[in-house]
PDB file of N, CA and C in Angstrom:
ATOM      1  N   MET A   1       8.536   4.055 -17.279  1.00  0.00           N
ATOM      2  CA  MET A   1       7.320   4.743 -16.900  1.00  0.00           C
ATOM      3  C   MET A   1       7.710   5.969 -16.077  1.00  0.00           C
ATOM      4  N   SER A   2       7.169   7.098 -16.413  1.00  0.00           N
ATOM      5  CA  SER A   2       7.551   8.331 -15.751  1.00  0.00           C
ATOM      6  C   SER A   2       6.844   8.494 -14.411  1.00  0.00           C
ATOM      7  N   LEU A   3       7.360   9.402 -13.638  1.00  0.00           N
ATOM      8  CA  LEU A   3       6.753   9.710 -12.346  1.00  0.00           C
ATOM      9  C   LEU A   3       5.350  10.283 -12.538  1.00  0.00           C
ATOM     10  N   LYS A   4       5.146  10.982 -13.644  1.00  0.00           N
ATOM     11  CA  LYS A   4       3.827  11.545 -13.941  1.00  0.00           C
ATOM     12  C   LYS A   4       2.804  10.433 -14.153  1.00  0.00           C
ATOM     13  N   ALA A   5       3.173   9.417 -14.917  1.00  0.00           N
ATOM     14  CA  ALA A   5       2.249   8.316 -15.187  1.00  0.00           C
ATOM     15  C   ALA A   5       1.938   7.537 -13.914  1.00  0.00           C
ATOM     16  N   VAL A   6       2.943   7.265 -13.111  1.00  0.00           N
ATOM     17  CA  VAL A   6       2.731   6.552 -11.852  1.00  0.00           C
ATOM     18  C   VAL A   6       1.845   7.377 -10.925  1.00  0.00           C
ATOM     19  N   HIS A   7       2.098   8.662 -10.872  1.00  0.00           N
ATOM     20  CA  HIS A   7       1.321   9.551 -10.020  1.00  0.00           C
ATOM     21  C   HIS A   7      -0.153   9.547 -10.443  1.00  0.00           C
ATOM     22  N   LEU A   8      -0.402   9.638 -11.726  1.00  0.00           N
ATOM     23  CA  LEU A   8      -1.780   9.636 -12.211  1.00  0.00           C
ATOM     24  C   LEU A   8      -2.463   8.289 -11.967  1.00  0.00           C
ATOM     25  N   PHE A   9      -1.699   7.200 -12.061  1.00  0.00           N
ATOM     26  CA  PHE A   9      -2.246   5.885 -11.753  1.00  0.00           C
ATOM     27  C   PHE A   9      -2.715   5.835 -10.293  1.00  0.00           C
ATOM     28  N   PHE A  10      -1.886   6.330  -9.383  1.00  0.00           N
ATOM     29  CA  PHE A  10      -2.267   6.317  -7.976  1.00  0.00           C
ATOM     30  C   PHE A  10      -3.421   7.277  -7.680  1.00  0.00           C
ATOM     31  N   VAL A  11      -3.472   8.400  -8.358  1.00  0.00           N
ATOM     32  CA  VAL A  11      -4.603   9.315  -8.192  1.00  0.00           C
ATOM     33  C   VAL A  11      -5.896   8.627  -8.625  1.00  0.00           C
ATOM     34  N   ALA A  12      -5.844   7.901  -9.735  1.00  0.00           N
ATOM     35  CA  ALA A  12      -7.032   7.179 -10.204  1.00  0.00           C
ATOM     36  C   ALA A  12      -7.430   6.082  -9.211  1.00  0.00           C
ATOM     37  N   CYS A  13      -6.443   5.364  -8.689  1.00  0.00           N
ATOM     38  CA  CYS A  13      -6.741   4.305  -7.710  1.00  0.00           C
ATOM     39  C   CYS A  13      -7.348   4.875  -6.438  1.00  0.00           C
ATOM     40  N   PHE A  14      -6.762   5.943  -5.917  1.00  0.00           N
ATOM     41  CA  PHE A  14      -7.279   6.532  -4.681  1.00  0.00           C
ATOM     42  C   PHE A  14      -8.661   7.143  -4.879  1.00  0.00           C
ATOM     43  N   THR A  15      -8.909   7.695  -6.053  1.00  0.00           N
ATOM     44  CA  THR A  15     -10.228   8.254  -6.331  1.00  0.00           C
ATOM     45  C   THR A  15     -11.291   7.163  -6.340  1.00  0.00           C
ATOM     46  N   SER A  16     -11.000   6.069  -7.047  1.00  0.00           N
ATOM     47  CA  SER A  16     -11.979   4.983  -7.091  1.00  0.00           C
ATOM     48  C   SER A  16     -12.150   4.331  -5.732  1.00  0.00           C
ATOM     49  N   LEU A  17     -11.087   4.206  -4.968  1.00  0.00           N
ATOM     50  CA  LEU A  17     -11.187   3.654  -3.621  1.00  0.00           C
ATOM     51  C   LEU A  17     -12.036   4.547  -2.724  1.00  0.00           C
ATOM     52  N   SER A  18     -11.836   5.837  -2.822  1.00  0.00           N
ATOM     53  CA  SER A  18     -12.586   6.778  -2.000  1.00  0.00           C
ATOM     54  C   SER A  18     -14.073   6.755  -2.332  1.00  0.00           C
ATOM     55  N   PHE A  19     -14.403   6.813  -3.612  1.00  0.00           N
ATOM     56  CA  PHE A  19     -15.815   6.784  -3.990  1.00  0.00           C
ATOM     57  C   PHE A  19     -16.442   5.407  -3.721  1.00  0.00           C
ATOM     58  N   GLY A  20     -15.645   4.363  -3.831  1.00  0.00           N
ATOM     59  CA  GLY A  20     -16.145   3.036  -3.494  1.00  0.00           C
ATOM     60  C   GLY A  20     -16.476   2.904  -2.018  1.00  0.00           C
ATOM     61  N   CYS A  21     -15.598   3.411  -1.167  1.00  0.00           N
ATOM     62  CA  CYS A  21     -15.869   3.399   0.278  1.00  0.00           C
ATOM     63  C   CYS A  21     -17.095   4.245   0.600  1.00  0.00           C
ATOM     64  N   ALA A  22     -17.236   5.375  -0.077  1.00  0.00           N
ATOM     65  CA  ALA A  22     -18.396   6.229   0.154  1.00  0.00           C
ATOM     66  C   ALA A  22     -19.682   5.497  -0.215  1.00  0.00           C
ATOM     67  N   ALA A  23     -19.663   4.769  -1.326  1.00  0.00           N
ATOM     68  CA  ALA A  23     -20.858   4.035  -1.742  1.00  0.00           C
ATOM     69  C   ALA A  23     -21.196   2.918  -0.761  1.00  0.00           C
ATOM     70  N   LEU A  24     -20.184   2.201  -0.294  1.00  0.00           N
ATOM     71  CA  LEU A  24     -20.431   1.112   0.656  1.00  0.00           C
ATOM     72  C   LEU A  24     -20.981   1.628   1.987  1.00  0.00           C
ATOM     73  N   LYS A  25     -20.402   2.717   2.476  1.00  0.00           N
ATOM     74  CA  LYS A  25     -20.879   3.245   3.755  1.00  0.00           C
ATOM     75  C   LYS A  25     -22.251   3.903   3.614  1.00  0.00           C
ATOM     76  N   ALA A  26     -22.544   4.486   2.459  1.00  0.00           N
ATOM     77  CA  ALA A  26     -23.888   5.030   2.232  1.00  0.00           C
ATOM     78  C   ALA A  26     -24.905   3.892   2.202  1.00  0.00           C
ATOM     79  N   ARG A  27     -24.534   2.771   1.583  1.00  0.00           N
ATOM     80  CA  ARG A  27     -25.415   1.604   1.583  1.00  0.00           C
ATOM     81  C   ARG A  27     -25.631   1.100   3.009  1.00  0.00           C
ATOM     82  N   ASP A  28     -24.566   1.090   3.814  1.00  0.00           N
ATOM     83  CA  ASP A  28     -24.702   0.674   5.214  1.00  0.00           C
ATOM     84  C   ASP A  28     -25.604   1.629   5.992  1.00  0.00           C
ATOM     85  N   TYR A  29     -25.497   2.927   5.691  1.00  0.00           N
ATOM     86  CA  TYR A  29     -26.325   3.906   6.400  1.00  0.00           C
ATOM     87  C   TYR A  29     -27.809   3.696   6.106  1.00  0.00           C
ATOM     88  N   PHE A  30     -28.138   3.372   4.859  1.00  0.00           N
ATOM     89  CA  PHE A  30     -29.540   3.204   4.499  1.00  0.00           C
ATOM     90  C   PHE A  30     -30.082   1.809   4.817  1.00  0.00           C
ATOM     91  N   SER A  31     -29.263   0.966   5.403  1.00  0.00           N
ATOM     92  CA  SER A  31     -29.749  -0.335   5.875  1.00  0.00           C
ATOM     93  C   SER A  31     -30.441  -0.134   7.216  1.00  0.00           C
ATOM     94  N   PRO A  32     -31.189  -1.114   7.687  1.00  0.00           N
ATOM     95  CA  PRO A  32     -31.883  -0.957   8.979  1.00  0.00           C
ATOM     96  C   PRO A  32     -30.939  -0.739  10.164  1.00  0.00           C
ATOM     97  N   GLN A  33     -29.702  -1.207  10.078  1.00  0.00           N
ATOM     98  CA  GLN A  33     -28.757  -1.033  11.175  1.00  0.00           C
ATOM     99  C   GLN A  33     -27.854   0.187  10.976  1.00  0.00           C
ATOM    100  N   GLY A  34     -28.185   1.068  10.070  1.00  0.00           N
ATOM    101  CA  GLY A  34     -27.347   2.221   9.758  1.00  0.00           C
ATOM    102  C   GLY A  34     -27.220   3.187  10.919  1.00  0.00           C
ATOM    103  N   THR A  35     -26.031   3.758  11.052  1.00  0.00           N
ATOM    104  CA  THR A  35     -25.769   4.725  12.123  1.00  0.00           C
ATOM    105  C   THR A  35     -25.312   6.050  11.511  1.00  0.00           C
ATOM    106  N   VAL A  36     -25.245   7.052  12.351  1.00  0.00           N
ATOM    107  CA  VAL A  36     -24.774   8.360  11.906  1.00  0.00           C
ATOM    108  C   VAL A  36     -23.290   8.280  11.521  1.00  0.00           C
ATOM    109  N   GLY A  37     -22.552   7.398  12.185  1.00  0.00           N
ATOM    110  CA  GLY A  37     -21.142   7.214  11.840  1.00  0.00           C
ATOM    111  C   GLY A  37     -20.958   6.755  10.407  1.00  0.00           C
ATOM    112  N   ASP A  38     -21.859   5.894   9.943  1.00  0.00           N
ATOM    113  CA  ASP A  38     -21.798   5.456   8.543  1.00  0.00           C
ATOM    114  C   ASP A  38     -22.007   6.628   7.599  1.00  0.00           C
ATOM    115  N   LEU A  39     -22.961   7.492   7.934  1.00  0.00           N
ATOM    116  CA  LEU A  39     -23.220   8.661   7.090  1.00  0.00           C
ATOM    117  C   LEU A  39     -22.028   9.607   7.085  1.00  0.00           C
ATOM    118  N   LEU A  40     -21.442   9.844   8.245  1.00  0.00           N
ATOM    119  CA  LEU A  40     -20.284  10.738   8.315  1.00  0.00           C
ATOM    120  C   LEU A  40     -19.093  10.171   7.550  1.00  0.00           C
ATOM    121  N   PHE A  41     -18.892   8.876   7.645  1.00  0.00           N
ATOM    122  CA  PHE A  41     -17.817   8.231   6.893  1.00  0.00           C
ATOM    123  C   PHE A  41     -18.057   8.377   5.396  1.00  0.00           C
ATOM    124  N   ALA A  42     -19.292   8.167   4.961  1.00  0.00           N
ATOM    125  CA  ALA A  42     -19.625   8.282   3.542  1.00  0.00           C
ATOM    126  C   ALA A  42     -19.392   9.705   3.047  1.00  0.00           C
ATOM    127  N   LEU A  43     -19.810  10.677   3.827  1.00  0.00           N
ATOM    128  CA  LEU A  43     -19.613  12.072   3.418  1.00  0.00           C
ATOM    129  C   LEU A  43     -18.135  12.442   3.388  1.00  0.00           C
ATOM    130  N   GLY A  44     -17.379  11.968   4.364  1.00  0.00           N
ATOM    131  CA  GLY A  44     -15.935  12.230   4.375  1.00  0.00           C
ATOM    132  C   GLY A  44     -15.226  11.584   3.202  1.00  0.00           C
ATOM    133  N   ALA A  45     -15.610  10.358   2.875  1.00  0.00           N
ATOM    134  CA  ALA A  45     -15.007   9.671   1.736  1.00  0.00           C
ATOM    135  C   ALA A  45     -15.370  10.379   0.432  1.00  0.00           C
ATOM    136  N   MET A  46     -16.598  10.855   0.329  1.00  0.00           N
ATOM    137  CA  MET A  46     -17.019  11.592  -0.865  1.00  0.00           C
ATOM    138  C   MET A  46     -16.225  12.894  -0.992  1.00  0.00           C
ATOM    139  N   ALA A  47     -16.042  13.588   0.117  1.00  0.00           N
ATOM    140  CA  ALA A  47     -15.275  14.840   0.097  1.00  0.00           C
ATOM    141  C   ALA A  47     -13.818  14.578  -0.277  1.00  0.00           C
ATOM    142  N   SER A  48     -13.247  13.505   0.243  1.00  0.00           N
ATOM    143  CA  SER A  48     -11.862  13.209  -0.110  1.00  0.00           C
ATOM    144  C   SER A  48     -11.748  12.799  -1.575  1.00  0.00           C
ATOM    145  N   GLY A  49     -12.744  12.113  -2.110  1.00  0.00           N
ATOM    146  CA  GLY A  49     -12.733  11.761  -3.529  1.00  0.00           C
ATOM    147  C   GLY A  49     -12.763  12.997  -4.415  1.00  0.00           C
ATOM    148  N   VAL A  50     -13.577  13.957  -4.046  1.00  0.00           N
ATOM    149  CA  VAL A  50     -13.641  15.208  -4.806  1.00  0.00           C
ATOM    150  C   VAL A  50     -12.316  15.960  -4.690  1.00  0.00           C
ATOM    151  N   ALA A  51     -11.733  15.972  -3.488  1.00  0.00           N
ATOM    152  CA  ALA A  51     -10.447  16.649  -3.290  1.00  0.00           C
ATOM    153  C   ALA A  51      -9.345  15.988  -4.120  1.00  0.00           C
ATOM    154  N   ILE A  52      -9.355  14.676  -4.213  1.00  0.00           N
ATOM    155  CA  ILE A  52      -8.359  13.970  -5.016  1.00  0.00           C
ATOM    156  C   ILE A  52      -8.544  14.296  -6.493  1.00  0.00           C
ATOM    157  N   LEU A  53      -9.791  14.398  -6.946  1.00  0.00           N
ATOM    158  CA  LEU A  53     -10.031  14.780  -8.350  1.00  0.00           C
ATOM    159  C   LEU A  53      -9.531  16.195  -8.640  1.00  0.00           C
ATOM    160  N   VAL A  54      -9.769  17.111  -7.712  1.00  0.00           N
ATOM    161  CA  VAL A  54      -9.280  18.485  -7.887  1.00  0.00           C
ATOM    162  C   VAL A  54      -7.756  18.496  -7.918  1.00  0.00           C
ATOM    163  N   TYR A  55      -7.139  17.721  -7.027  1.00  0.00           N
ATOM    164  CA  TYR A  55      -5.680  17.626  -7.024  1.00  0.00           C
ATOM    165  C   TYR A  55      -5.163  17.034  -8.328  1.00  0.00           C
ATOM    166  N   GLY A  56      -5.812  16.009  -8.843  1.00  0.00           N
ATOM    167  CA  GLY A  56      -5.396  15.406 -10.106  1.00  0.00           C
ATOM    168  C   GLY A  56      -5.461  16.390 -11.260  1.00  0.00           C
ATOM    169  N   LYS A  57      -6.507  17.200 -11.286  1.00  0.00           N
ATOM    170  CA  LYS A  57      -6.628  18.219 -12.331  1.00  0.00           C
ATOM    171  C   LYS A  57      -5.517  19.265 -12.198  1.00  0.00           C
ATOM    172  N   TYR A  58      -5.225  19.665 -10.963  1.00  0.00           N
ATOM    173  CA  TYR A  58      -4.140  20.617 -10.716  1.00  0.00           C
ATOM    174  C   TYR A  58      -2.800  20.020 -11.145  1.00  0.00           C
ATOM    175  N   PHE A  59      -2.582  18.763 -10.829  1.00  0.00           N
ATOM    176  CA  PHE A  59      -1.331  18.095 -11.175  1.00  0.00           C
ATOM    177  C   PHE A  59      -1.151  18.019 -12.688  1.00  0.00           C
ATOM    178  N   LEU A  60      -2.204  17.654 -13.406  1.00  0.00           N
ATOM    179  CA  LEU A  60      -2.119  17.589 -14.869  1.00  0.00           C
ATOM    180  C   LEU A  60      -1.848  18.959 -15.484  1.00  0.00           C
ATOM    181  N   LYS A  61      -2.485  19.970 -14.936  1.00  0.00           N
ATOM    182  CA  LYS A  61      -2.287  21.321 -15.453  1.00  0.00           C
ATOM    183  C   LYS A  61      -0.854  21.794 -15.204  1.00  0.00           C
ATOM    184  N   LYS A  62      -0.328  21.463 -14.040  1.00  0.00           N
ATOM    185  CA  LYS A  62       1.016  21.907 -13.681  1.00  0.00           C
ATOM    186  C   LYS A  62       2.088  21.200 -14.517  1.00  0.00           C
ATOM    187  N   LEU A  63       1.898  19.918 -14.797  1.00  0.00           N
ATOM    188  CA  LEU A  63       2.910  19.145 -15.511  1.00  0.00           C
ATOM    189  C   LEU A  63       2.492  18.779 -16.932  1.00  0.00           C
ATOM    190  N   LYS A  64       1.770  19.669 -17.600  1.00  0.00           N
ATOM    191  CA  LYS A  64       1.292  19.353 -18.949  1.00  0.00           C
ATOM    192  C   LYS A  64       2.423  19.286 -19.968  1.00  0.00           C
ATOM    193  N   HIS A  65       3.545  19.878 -19.695  1.00  0.00           N
ATOM    194  CA  HIS A  65       4.653  19.875 -20.648  1.00  0.00           C
ATOM    195  C   HIS A  65       5.561  18.638 -20.492  1.00  0.00           C
ATOM    196  N   ILE A  66       5.317  17.793 -19.518  1.00  0.00           N
ATOM    197  CA  ILE A  66       6.119  16.594 -19.297  1.00  0.00           C
ATOM    198  C   ILE A  66       5.386  15.397 -19.893  1.00  0.00           C
ATOM    199  N   SER A  67       6.119  14.533 -20.575  1.00  0.00           N
ATOM    200  CA  SER A  67       5.497  13.399 -21.244  1.00  0.00           C
ATOM    201  C   SER A  67       5.165  12.298 -20.231  1.00  0.00           C
ATOM    202  N   TYR A  68       4.350  11.337 -20.677  1.00  0.00           N
ATOM    203  CA  TYR A  68       3.961  10.215 -19.826  1.00  0.00           C
ATOM    204  C   TYR A  68       4.975   9.089 -19.866  1.00  0.00           C
ATOM    205  N   LEU A  69       5.924   9.136 -20.770  1.00  0.00           N
ATOM    206  CA  LEU A  69       6.916   8.080 -20.894  1.00  0.00           C
ATOM    207  C   LEU A  69       8.163   8.520 -20.269  1.00  0.00           C
TER     208      LEU A  69
END
């Protein structure tokens, strides 16, 4: 397995983890016990998820000539 494939696997994992955390904290914010900290955490996780997606696109574009194997 190439470094490119492993890298893309981790980018996918971190993206799903980031958006998952954002969804959980947004749900906590809209609960009766929600705080501003929950909202800030959700927004930060959403921003990091978008940043990871942008990085993944940049990485694929940069290494398009290298195979996945």
